[in-house]
Structures are given as structure tokens and as C-alpha cells.
Amino acid sequence: MHATATAWFARANVTPLRVRTCNSLTVTMMTILNGVAIGLVPVRVMQDELRRGDVRLLDVEPDIPGHLVWLCHQASESGPSLRQVLDLVRELIRETSLFAPAAP
């Protein structure tokens, strides 16, 4: 998220006065919910809060692009069991639309 925010400011040719980072999504979400800060988090993880009106999306320019998700593993660990795990993860992502855009 830090790299995404930094790249966004750079594309807008803006240098922010302050940027604070946190490696805990839960803490970042609570900071946003308590109105202490504006945060860059995946829309999907705050979809319920958006629906309730506890938070709102900011319309920004330039747009903030989505992230790619990669399933990686060591080639030496490849085999039928690992393939089953990868297939299961892919299926769960498809079924839950985890990485699909969330409706505000």
C-alpha cells in the first residue's frame, strides 16, 4: 500500500507533507473508522463499512490502480498436493469475488 500511495503522489506530481504507514490492516481500518486519517486500503475489506455509511470512498485523480495477485511457490515443491492447494485458492477467489471491484 505504501508503494501504491507513493506512486500515486508521484503521478500527481505532489509531495505530501506527512505519510504514515502501518503494516496492520486492522489498525489502519480502525484509524479510518475513528476519523483520525484517510487511508489507502482495499475497498473489498471495508465493503460492509461502506454500505453502512461508516466510511466513504474519495474520488481521486489520478485513479489508484488495482493490485495484481500472484500465487507463487518454489518449483522444487511442485506436485499434485500443491496443485490442489493452488486450485482451491483459485476457486475460492472466483467464488467469493475476493478481488473483484466492490460496489460502494
C-alpha atoms as a PDB file:
ATOM      1  CA  MET A   1       0.000   0.000   0.000  1.00  0.00           C
ATOM      2  CA  HIS A   2       2.882   2.355   0.758  1.00  0.00           C
ATOM      3  CA  ALA A   3       4.314   1.840  -2.730  1.00  0.00           C
ATOM      4  CA  THR A   4       0.873   2.424  -4.241  1.00  0.00           C
ATOM      5  CA  ALA A   5       0.404   5.672  -2.302  1.00  0.00           C
ATOM      6  CA  THR A   6       3.921   6.878  -3.114  1.00  0.00           C
ATOM      7  CA  ALA A   7       3.442   6.152  -6.816  1.00  0.00           C
ATOM      8  CA  TRP A   8       0.058   7.903  -6.766  1.00  0.00           C
ATOM      9  CA  PHE A   9       1.505  11.076  -5.279  1.00  0.00           C
ATOM     10  CA  ALA A  10       4.373  10.942  -7.787  1.00  0.00           C
ATOM     11  CA  ARG A  11       1.963  10.598 -10.747  1.00  0.00           C
ATOM     12  CA  ALA A  12       0.047  13.602  -9.457  1.00  0.00           C
ATOM     13  CA  ASN A  13       3.367  15.470  -9.076  1.00  0.00           C
ATOM     14  CA  VAL A  14       2.602  16.108  -5.409  1.00  0.00           C
ATOM     15  CA  THR A  15       4.822  15.762  -2.375  1.00  0.00           C
ATOM     16  CA  PRO A  16       2.741  15.035   0.730  1.00  0.00           C
ATOM     17  CA  LEU A  17       3.629  16.805   3.956  1.00  0.00           C
ATOM     18  CA  ARG A  18       3.054  13.641   6.005  1.00  0.00           C
ATOM     19  CA  VAL A  19       2.572   9.989   5.172  1.00  0.00           C
ATOM     20  CA  ARG A  20       2.289   7.449   7.944  1.00  0.00           C
ATOM     21  CA  THR A  21       2.414   3.748   7.305  1.00  0.00           C
ATOM     22  CA  CYS A  22       1.199   0.783   9.286  1.00  0.00           C
ATOM     23  CA  ASN A  23       1.668  -2.862   8.437  1.00  0.00           C
ATOM     24  CA  SER A  24      -1.546  -3.872  10.221  1.00  0.00           C
ATOM     25  CA  LEU A  25      -4.651  -3.700   8.069  1.00  0.00           C
ATOM     26  CA  THR A  26      -6.836  -3.911  11.182  1.00  0.00           C
ATOM     27  CA  VAL A  27      -5.116  -0.923  12.825  1.00  0.00           C
ATOM     28  CA  THR A  28      -5.336   1.057   9.581  1.00  0.00           C
ATOM     29  CA  MET A  29      -9.051   0.263   9.286  1.00  0.00           C
ATOM     30  CA  MET A  30      -9.689   1.335  12.892  1.00  0.00           C
ATOM     31  CA  THR A  31      -7.795   4.582  12.296  1.00  0.00           C
ATOM     32  CA  ILE A  32     -10.015   5.286   9.287  1.00  0.00           C
ATOM     33  CA  LEU A  33     -13.210   4.315  11.155  1.00  0.00           C
ATOM     34  CA  ASN A  34     -12.285   6.591  14.062  1.00  0.00           C
ATOM     35  CA  GLY A  35     -11.902   9.504  11.658  1.00  0.00           C
ATOM     36  CA  VAL A  36      -8.244  10.011  12.505  1.00  0.00           C
ATOM     37  CA  ALA A  37      -6.920   9.630   8.963  1.00  0.00           C
ATOM     38  CA  ILE A  38      -7.580   8.985   5.321  1.00  0.00           C
ATOM     39  CA  GLY A  39      -6.327   5.543   4.422  1.00  0.00           C
ATOM     40  CA  LEU A  40      -5.495   3.524   1.369  1.00  0.00           C
ATOM     41  CA  VAL A  41      -6.965   0.065   1.879  1.00  0.00           C
ATOM     42  CA  PRO A  42      -8.595  -2.438  -0.456  1.00  0.00           C
ATOM     43  CA  VAL A  43     -12.231  -1.459  -0.957  1.00  0.00           C
ATOM     44  CA  ARG A  44     -13.242  -5.092  -0.507  1.00  0.00           C
ATOM     45  CA  VAL A  45     -12.078  -5.219   3.109  1.00  0.00           C
ATOM     46  CA  MET A  46     -14.272  -2.254   4.086  1.00  0.00           C
ATOM     47  CA  GLN A  47     -17.271  -3.095   1.937  1.00  0.00           C
ATOM     48  CA  ASP A  48     -19.610  -3.540   4.929  1.00  0.00           C
ATOM     49  CA  GLU A  49     -18.466  -0.223   6.423  1.00  0.00           C
ATOM     50  CA  LEU A  50     -19.083   1.470   3.067  1.00  0.00           C
ATOM     51  CA  ARG A  51     -22.615   0.053   2.845  1.00  0.00           C
ATOM     52  CA  ARG A  52     -23.408   1.236   6.376  1.00  0.00           C
ATOM     53  CA  GLY A  53     -22.021   4.685   5.633  1.00  0.00           C
ATOM     54  CA  ASP A  54     -19.326   4.406   8.301  1.00  0.00           C
ATOM     55  CA  VAL A  55     -16.694   5.329   5.687  1.00  0.00           C
ATOM     56  CA  ARG A  56     -16.776   6.771   2.210  1.00  0.00           C
ATOM     57  CA  LEU A  57     -14.737   6.462  -0.919  1.00  0.00           C
ATOM     58  CA  LEU A  58     -12.844   9.500  -2.043  1.00  0.00           C
ATOM     59  CA  ASP A  59     -12.921  10.255  -5.751  1.00  0.00           C
ATOM     60  CA  VAL A  60      -9.288  10.948  -6.566  1.00  0.00           C
ATOM     61  CA  GLU A  61      -7.268  11.889  -9.607  1.00  0.00           C
ATOM     62  CA  PRO A  62      -5.322  10.227 -10.934  1.00  0.00           C
ATOM     63  CA  ASP A  63      -7.151   6.966 -10.273  1.00  0.00           C
ATOM     64  CA  ILE A  64      -5.468   4.476  -7.975  1.00  0.00           C
ATOM     65  CA  PRO A  65      -4.964   1.251  -9.926  1.00  0.00           C
ATOM     66  CA  GLY A  66      -5.901  -2.151  -8.550  1.00  0.00           C
ATOM     67  CA  HIS A  67      -3.308  -4.674  -7.493  1.00  0.00           C
ATOM     68  CA  LEU A  68      -2.360  -7.903  -9.179  1.00  0.00           C
ATOM     69  CA  VAL A  69      -2.370 -11.025  -7.072  1.00  0.00           C
ATOM     70  CA  TRP A  70       0.109 -13.805  -7.694  1.00  0.00           C
ATOM     71  CA  LEU A  71       0.154 -17.346  -6.385  1.00  0.00           C
ATOM     72  CA  CYS A  72       3.824 -18.275  -6.099  1.00  0.00           C
ATOM     73  CA  HIS A  73       5.669 -21.359  -4.966  1.00  0.00           C
ATOM     74  CA  GLN A  74       9.072 -22.934  -5.248  1.00  0.00           C
ATOM     75  CA  ALA A  75       9.412 -25.093  -8.358  1.00  0.00           C
ATOM     76  CA  SER A  76      11.060 -27.778  -6.235  1.00  0.00           C
ATOM     77  CA  GLU A  77       7.848 -28.047  -4.176  1.00  0.00           C
ATOM     78  CA  SER A  78       5.605 -28.549  -7.205  1.00  0.00           C
ATOM     79  CA  GLY A  79       3.445 -31.645  -7.224  1.00  0.00           C
ATOM     80  CA  PRO A  80      -0.144 -32.893  -7.016  1.00  0.00           C
ATOM     81  CA  SER A  81      -0.723 -31.721  -3.422  1.00  0.00           C
ATOM     82  CA  LEU A  82       0.485 -28.201  -4.113  1.00  0.00           C
ATOM     83  CA  ARG A  83      -1.547 -28.082  -7.325  1.00  0.00           C
ATOM     84  CA  GLN A  84      -4.659 -28.997  -5.290  1.00  0.00           C
ATOM     85  CA  VAL A  85      -3.974 -26.147  -2.870  1.00  0.00           C
ATOM     86  CA  LEU A  86      -3.459 -23.675  -5.726  1.00  0.00           C
ATOM     87  CA  ASP A  87      -6.640 -24.866  -7.455  1.00  0.00           C
ATOM     88  CA  LEU A  88      -8.578 -24.480  -4.195  1.00  0.00           C
ATOM     89  CA  VAL A  89      -7.282 -20.926  -3.689  1.00  0.00           C
ATOM     90  CA  ARG A  90      -8.202 -20.009  -7.293  1.00  0.00           C
ATOM     91  CA  GLU A  91     -11.680 -21.478  -6.812  1.00  0.00           C
ATOM     92  CA  LEU A  92     -12.233 -19.567  -3.558  1.00  0.00           C
ATOM     93  CA  ILE A  93     -11.126 -16.323  -5.193  1.00  0.00           C
ATOM     94  CA  ARG A  94     -13.564 -16.899  -8.061  1.00  0.00           C
ATOM     95  CA  GLU A  95     -16.470 -17.941  -5.829  1.00  0.00           C
ATOM     96  CA  THR A  96     -16.093 -15.098  -3.356  1.00  0.00           C
ATOM     97  CA  SER A  97     -15.166 -12.462  -5.970  1.00  0.00           C
ATOM     98  CA  LEU A  98     -12.479 -11.513  -3.463  1.00  0.00           C
ATOM     99  CA  PHE A  99     -10.510  -9.433  -5.919  1.00  0.00           C
ATOM    100  CA  ALA A 100     -13.432  -8.091  -7.941  1.00  0.00           C
ATOM    101  CA  PRO A 101     -14.303  -4.412  -7.622  1.00  0.00           C
ATOM    102  CA  ALA A 102     -16.679  -3.851  -4.734  1.00  0.00           C
ATOM    103  CA  ALA A 103     -19.845  -1.864  -5.193  1.00  0.00           C
ATOM    104  CA  PRO A 104     -19.940   1.165  -2.865  1.00  0.00           C
END
